[in-house]
Protein backbone atom coordinates (compact mmCIF):
# COMPACT_ATOMS: atom_id res chain seq x y z
CA UNK A 1 16.14 60.16 36.94
CA UNK A 2 13.15 58.47 38.46
CA UNK A 3 10.34 60.41 40.08
CA UNK A 4 8.18 58.39 42.45
CA UNK A 5 5.69 58.81 45.23
CA UNK A 6 7.03 57.98 48.68
CA UNK A 7 5.57 54.47 48.66
CA UNK A 8 6.87 53.95 45.12
CA UNK A 9 3.40 52.87 44.06
CA UNK A 10 3.72 55.26 41.14
CA UNK A 11 6.94 56.07 39.36
CA UNK A 12 8.16 57.51 36.11
CA UNK A 13 11.59 57.64 34.50
CA UNK A 14 12.29 61.18 33.29
CA UNK A 15 14.55 62.27 30.48
CA UNK A 16 16.55 65.45 30.88
CA UNK A 17 14.14 67.24 28.51
CA UNK A 18 11.09 66.02 30.46
CA UNK A 19 12.64 67.21 33.72
CA UNK A 20 13.16 70.67 32.24
CA UNK A 21 9.63 70.79 30.83
CA UNK A 22 8.22 69.69 34.19
CA UNK A 23 10.31 72.27 36.05
CA UNK A 24 9.16 75.08 33.75
CA UNK A 25 5.49 74.10 34.12
CA UNK A 26 5.93 73.89 37.89
CA UNK A 27 7.41 77.41 37.94
CA UNK A 28 4.32 78.73 36.17
CA UNK A 29 1.88 76.94 38.47
CA UNK A 30 0.33 77.84 41.80
CA UNK A 31 2.74 75.32 43.38
CA UNK A 32 5.91 77.18 42.35
CA UNK A 33 6.67 78.63 45.77
CA UNK A 34 5.48 75.78 47.98
CA UNK A 35 7.25 73.12 45.91
CA UNK A 36 10.42 75.09 45.13
CA UNK A 37 12.57 72.16 46.32
CA UNK A 38 11.04 69.92 43.65
CA UNK A 39 11.72 72.55 40.99
CA UNK A 40 15.30 72.87 42.19
CA UNK A 41 15.79 69.10 42.00
CA UNK A 42 14.35 68.93 38.46
CA UNK A 43 16.54 71.84 37.35
CA UNK A 44 19.65 70.32 38.94
CA UNK A 45 19.01 67.06 37.07
CA UNK A 46 18.62 69.01 33.84
CA UNK A 47 21.97 70.77 34.25
CA UNK A 48 23.79 67.63 35.41
CA UNK A 49 24.22 68.50 39.10
CA UNK A 50 22.32 65.44 40.33
CA UNK A 51 21.13 62.05 39.15
CA UNK A 52 19.35 61.24 42.42
CA UNK A 53 15.79 60.00 42.23
CA UNK A 54 13.05 62.36 43.39
CA UNK A 55 10.48 61.16 45.93
CA UNK A 56 7.28 63.17 46.35
CA UNK A 57 3.80 62.74 47.79
CA UNK A 58 1.13 61.04 45.70
CA UNK A 59 -0.58 64.40 45.16
CA UNK A 60 2.67 65.97 43.97
CA UNK A 61 3.37 63.02 41.68
CA UNK A 62 -0.07 63.31 40.07
CA UNK A 63 0.26 67.06 39.54
CA UNK A 64 3.76 66.75 38.09
CA UNK A 65 2.70 64.00 35.69
CA UNK A 66 -0.25 66.17 34.61
CA UNK A 67 2.28 68.87 33.62
CA UNK A 68 3.94 66.41 31.24
CA UNK A 69 0.59 65.37 29.77
CA UNK A 70 -0.32 69.02 29.17
CA UNK A 71 3.03 69.56 27.43
CA UNK A 72 2.35 66.64 25.08
CA UNK A 73 -0.97 68.10 23.91
């Protein structure tokens, strides 16, 4: 699945594991409630319910990518 900002200036191809990691970090963040639809999409990709790309704002993209970077450290 690809995650990209709405202008597709920034994009990232996610593995199933990365989508799960990102969803878990999102659930623990201050954005969990406001961005529940993003978490649902990431979870649905992880369990095989969707392969659709995910388009988010630039701010959301940057925050989500930061979750992956934190996970790598």
